[in-house]
Protein backbone atom coordinates (compact mmCIF):
# COMPACT_ATOMS: atom_id res chain seq x y z
CA UNK A 1 80.71 8.80 67.54
CA UNK A 2 80.38 11.91 65.15
CA UNK A 3 76.85 13.64 65.05
CA UNK A 4 76.59 12.53 61.36
CA UNK A 5 77.03 9.17 62.54
CA UNK A 6 74.41 9.20 65.36
CA UNK A 7 71.98 10.32 62.67
CA UNK A 8 72.72 7.72 59.81
CA UNK A 9 69.37 6.36 59.00
CA UNK A 10 68.75 2.67 59.43
CA UNK A 11 69.70 0.14 56.72
CA UNK A 12 66.46 -1.97 55.88
CA UNK A 13 69.32 -4.24 53.93
CA UNK A 14 72.47 -5.95 53.89
CA UNK A 15 74.41 -5.02 51.05
CA UNK A 16 75.45 -8.57 49.90
CA UNK A 17 77.52 -8.09 46.30
CA UNK A 18 77.58 -12.03 45.55
CA UNK A 19 79.79 -13.04 42.62
CA UNK A 20 78.54 -12.19 39.32
CA UNK A 21 78.40 -14.37 36.44
CA UNK A 22 80.12 -13.95 33.24
CA UNK A 23 77.11 -13.45 31.54
CA UNK A 24 76.12 -10.91 34.68
CA UNK A 25 78.97 -9.29 34.19
CA UNK A 26 78.83 -8.87 30.32
CA UNK A 27 75.31 -7.77 31.28
CA UNK A 28 76.69 -4.26 32.95
CA UNK A 29 79.05 -3.50 30.61
CA UNK A 30 76.56 -3.66 27.71
CA UNK A 31 72.88 -3.39 28.83
CA UNK A 32 73.15 -0.98 32.01
CA UNK A 33 73.85 1.89 30.05
CA UNK A 34 70.48 1.30 28.83
CA UNK A 35 68.63 -0.09 31.77
CA UNK A 36 70.23 1.50 34.43
CA UNK A 37 69.70 4.63 36.01
CA UNK A 38 71.79 6.94 38.60
CA UNK A 39 69.91 9.30 40.98
CA UNK A 40 70.95 12.90 40.65
CA UNK A 41 69.46 15.82 43.17
CA UNK A 42 66.80 16.19 41.02
CA UNK A 43 63.21 14.09 41.25
CA UNK A 44 62.68 11.53 38.28
CA UNK A 45 60.88 12.30 35.37
CA UNK A 46 58.99 9.37 34.23
CA UNK A 47 58.36 10.40 30.94
CA UNK A 48 62.02 11.34 30.17
CA UNK A 49 63.04 7.84 31.12
CA UNK A 50 60.62 5.89 29.10
CA UNK A 51 60.00 8.29 26.49
CA UNK A 52 55.85 8.12 26.80
CA UNK A 53 53.22 8.68 29.33
CA UNK A 54 52.11 5.51 30.90
CA UNK A 55 51.48 4.21 34.26
CA UNK A 56 54.56 3.45 35.93
CA UNK A 57 55.04 0.52 38.55
CA UNK A 58 57.84 1.00 41.37
CA UNK A 59 59.65 -2.51 42.65
CA UNK A 60 61.46 -2.46 45.69
CA UNK A 61 63.63 -5.27 46.58
CA UNK A 62 63.15 -7.15 43.31
CA UNK A 63 65.66 -10.12 44.00
CA UNK A 64 66.91 -11.83 41.03
CA UNK A 65 63.96 -9.55 38.88
CA UNK A 66 61.96 -13.20 38.05
CA UNK A 67 58.52 -11.41 39.10
CA UNK A 68 59.32 -7.83 37.58
CA UNK A 69 60.23 -9.31 34.19
CA UNK A 70 57.31 -11.32 33.77
CA UNK A 71 55.02 -8.43 34.76
CA UNK A 72 56.60 -6.63 32.21
CA UNK A 73 56.33 -9.10 29.51
CA UNK A 74 52.74 -9.19 30.39
CA UNK A 75 52.00 -5.31 30.44
CA UNK A 76 54.01 -3.70 27.57
CA UNK A 77 51.61 -0.51 27.84
CA UNK A 78 53.19 0.05 31.28
CA UNK A 79 56.46 1.29 32.72
CA UNK A 80 58.08 -0.13 35.54
CA UNK A 81 61.08 0.94 37.51
CA UNK A 82 62.78 -1.39 39.61
CA UNK A 83 65.13 -0.83 42.69
CA UNK A 84 67.68 -3.37 44.07
CA UNK A 85 71.07 -3.08 46.02
CA UNK A 86 72.34 -7.13 45.23
CA UNK A 87 74.53 -6.69 42.09
CA UNK A 88 73.96 -10.15 40.88
CA UNK A 89 70.22 -9.59 40.99
CA UNK A 90 70.31 -6.61 38.92
CA UNK A 91 72.72 -8.29 36.04
CA UNK A 92 69.96 -11.27 35.74
CA UNK A 93 67.26 -9.06 35.38
CA UNK A 94 68.92 -7.20 32.68
CA UNK A 95 69.60 -10.33 31.08
CA UNK A 96 66.09 -11.31 31.17
CA UNK A 97 64.68 -8.14 30.07
CA UNK A 98 67.55 -8.34 27.01
CA UNK A 99 65.87 -11.83 26.14
CA UNK A 100 62.61 -11.09 25.99
CA UNK A 101 63.10 -7.78 24.57
CA UNK A 102 61.13 -5.78 27.36
CA UNK A 103 62.07 -1.94 26.91
CA UNK A 104 59.54 -0.72 29.69
CA UNK A 105 61.76 -1.33 32.53
CA UNK A 106 64.32 0.77 34.08
CA UNK A 107 66.92 -0.26 36.80
CA UNK A 108 68.12 1.48 40.21
CA UNK A 109 70.87 0.00 42.31
CA UNK A 110 69.96 2.12 45.25
CA UNK A 111 68.72 2.43 48.32
CA UNK A 112 64.82 2.41 48.19
CA UNK A 113 64.38 4.94 51.00
CA UNK A 114 66.61 7.41 49.50
CA UNK A 115 64.66 7.19 46.10
CA UNK A 116 61.09 8.09 47.96
CA UNK A 117 62.48 10.36 50.31
CA UNK A 118 64.59 12.65 47.75
CA UNK A 119 64.15 11.59 43.93
CA UNK A 120 60.45 10.74 43.86
CA UNK A 121 57.96 12.65 42.22
CA UNK A 122 54.82 13.60 44.34
CA UNK A 123 51.44 11.44 43.19
CA UNK A 124 53.76 9.97 40.61
CA UNK A 125 53.26 6.51 40.86
CA UNK A 126 50.37 4.26 39.85
CA UNK A 127 51.33 1.05 41.91
CA UNK A 128 54.00 0.03 44.13
CA UNK A 129 55.20 -3.76 44.50
CA UNK A 130 56.92 -4.99 47.97
CA UNK A 131 57.52 -8.64 47.60
CA UNK A 132 59.03 -10.48 50.38
CA UNK A 133 61.33 -7.79 52.18
CA UNK A 134 63.73 -9.10 54.47
CA UNK A 135 61.63 -10.00 57.59
CA UNK A 136 64.60 -9.40 59.99
CA UNK A 137 63.01 -11.95 62.34
CA UNK A 138 64.86 -11.55 65.46
CA UNK A 139 63.14 -8.97 67.50
CA UNK A 140 66.26 -6.85 68.25
CA UNK A 141 66.83 -6.50 64.47
CA UNK A 142 62.75 -5.33 63.69
CA UNK A 143 64.01 -1.82 63.70
CA UNK A 144 65.23 -2.66 60.56
CA UNK A 145 62.47 -3.75 58.65
CA UNK A 146 61.39 -1.45 55.62
CA UNK A 147 57.68 -1.36 56.29
CA UNK A 148 57.26 1.32 59.02
CA UNK A 149 55.36 4.45 59.63
CA UNK A 150 57.73 6.43 57.76
CA UNK A 151 57.71 4.42 55.15
CA UNK A 152 54.00 4.52 54.85
CA UNK A 153 54.34 8.38 54.63
CA UNK A 154 56.55 8.40 51.80
CA UNK A 155 54.54 5.83 49.48
CA UNK A 156 51.31 7.66 50.26
CA UNK A 157 53.14 10.72 48.81
CA UNK A 158 54.53 8.44 46.05
CA UNK A 159 51.33 7.18 45.03
CA UNK A 160 48.59 8.88 42.75
CA UNK A 161 45.04 8.75 44.41
CA UNK A 162 43.54 5.67 43.60
CA UNK A 163 47.05 4.08 43.33
CA UNK A 164 47.93 0.77 45.50
CA UNK A 165 51.01 -0.60 47.12
CA UNK A 166 50.88 -4.50 47.03
CA UNK A 167 52.82 -6.30 49.71
CA UNK A 168 53.85 -10.25 50.32
CA UNK A 169 55.68 -12.04 53.06
CA UNK A 170 55.90 -15.44 53.90
CA UNK A 171 56.59 -14.17 57.91
CA UNK A 172 53.13 -13.79 59.48
CA UNK A 173 54.20 -11.77 62.28
CA UNK A 174 55.73 -9.50 59.60
CA UNK A 175 52.60 -9.23 57.75
CA UNK A 176 50.36 -8.69 60.52
CA UNK A 177 53.02 -5.44 61.10
CA UNK A 178 51.96 -4.94 57.79
CA UNK A 179 48.64 -4.59 58.31
CA UNK A 180 48.84 -2.48 61.24
CA UNK A 181 51.28 0.36 59.83
CA UNK A 182 48.77 0.70 56.77
CA UNK A 183 45.67 0.38 58.79
CA UNK A 184 46.73 3.14 60.92
CA UNK A 185 47.56 5.25 58.06
CA UNK A 186 44.04 7.40 57.47
CA UNK A 187 45.39 7.66 53.65
CA UNK A 188 45.24 4.02 52.59
CA UNK A 189 42.11 1.70 52.26
CA UNK A 190 42.49 -1.94 52.27
CA UNK A 191 40.90 -3.46 49.50
CA UNK A 192 40.26 -6.66 51.00
CA UNK A 193 38.72 -5.02 54.10
CA UNK A 194 39.80 -3.43 57.52
CA UNK A 195 41.65 -6.40 59.52
CA UNK A 196 41.89 -8.55 56.17
CA UNK A 197 44.70 -9.87 53.95
CA UNK A 198 43.74 -10.07 50.04
CA UNK A 199 44.41 -13.32 48.16
CA UNK A 200 47.19 -13.35 45.79
CA UNK A 201 46.36 -11.43 42.23
CA UNK A 202 47.11 -12.77 38.78
CA UNK A 203 49.08 -9.73 38.84
CA UNK A 204 51.39 -11.03 41.10
CA UNK A 205 53.48 -13.91 39.74
CA UNK A 206 54.54 -17.11 41.26
CA UNK A 207 57.99 -17.25 41.99
CA UNK A 208 60.20 -20.21 42.03
CA UNK A 209 61.30 -19.38 45.69
CA UNK A 210 57.54 -19.32 46.41
CA UNK A 211 56.68 -22.57 44.86
CA UNK A 212 59.53 -24.13 46.53
CA UNK A 213 58.14 -22.38 49.86
CA UNK A 214 54.49 -23.84 49.18
CA UNK A 215 55.81 -27.14 48.83
CA UNK A 216 57.41 -27.03 52.62
CA UNK A 217 53.91 -26.06 53.45
CA UNK A 218 54.84 -22.04 54.13
CA UNK A 219 52.09 -19.46 54.33
CA UNK A 220 52.33 -16.61 51.87
CA UNK A 221 50.32 -13.11 53.02
CA UNK A 222 49.35 -10.69 50.33
CA UNK A 223 48.10 -7.02 51.34
CA UNK A 224 46.87 -4.46 48.93
CA UNK A 225 46.08 -1.14 50.27
CA UNK A 226 44.72 2.12 47.92
CA UNK A 227 45.77 5.70 48.39
CA UNK A 228 42.47 7.14 49.41
CA UNK A 229 42.90 11.09 48.39
């Protein structure tokens, strides 16, 4: 194994390309030039990307974009950056955005950790959303979970003072890991009080995935932490 391979970062996701529908294929041809972004070596400039100064929310791992599209439609005065590696999900979100005529979302098909490490300006975000990340439920895979100390450090760097990260998971053990990681970070305050989870706020829509889980009796844990300074 080369030195480069031995220092390769652990991925928090598995790249599952999936099969694109004809509509999703057309979306990449017609809509990606408008909604899609590519990373270069420079920090992102949100005023240039959106053509205005407005609060910016980053959603990490938006899946098929169902929640992100709903939030963007409800808050046209805000801007949203979505990051997702799953190609069909990206195509689905673009189709939804075009259908509802939303122009306040831009999309990166990229590694969220690379974005946070190398391309995110400091204190640029008002909000970060991390809804139902892969729980990597087997103990030997816990190191692949995105919520670790390094992730908390990067989120603290990216958020404005007073900005928040909202996390949600249906895996209780992972929820408690999230709670521990952000509680131990002295740059955050738990909006629900130390050691507590938050009730689901209206800002997080109920997705079909979550509604199905509720019918099966699955719990969901929300955590909202605010950057202190």
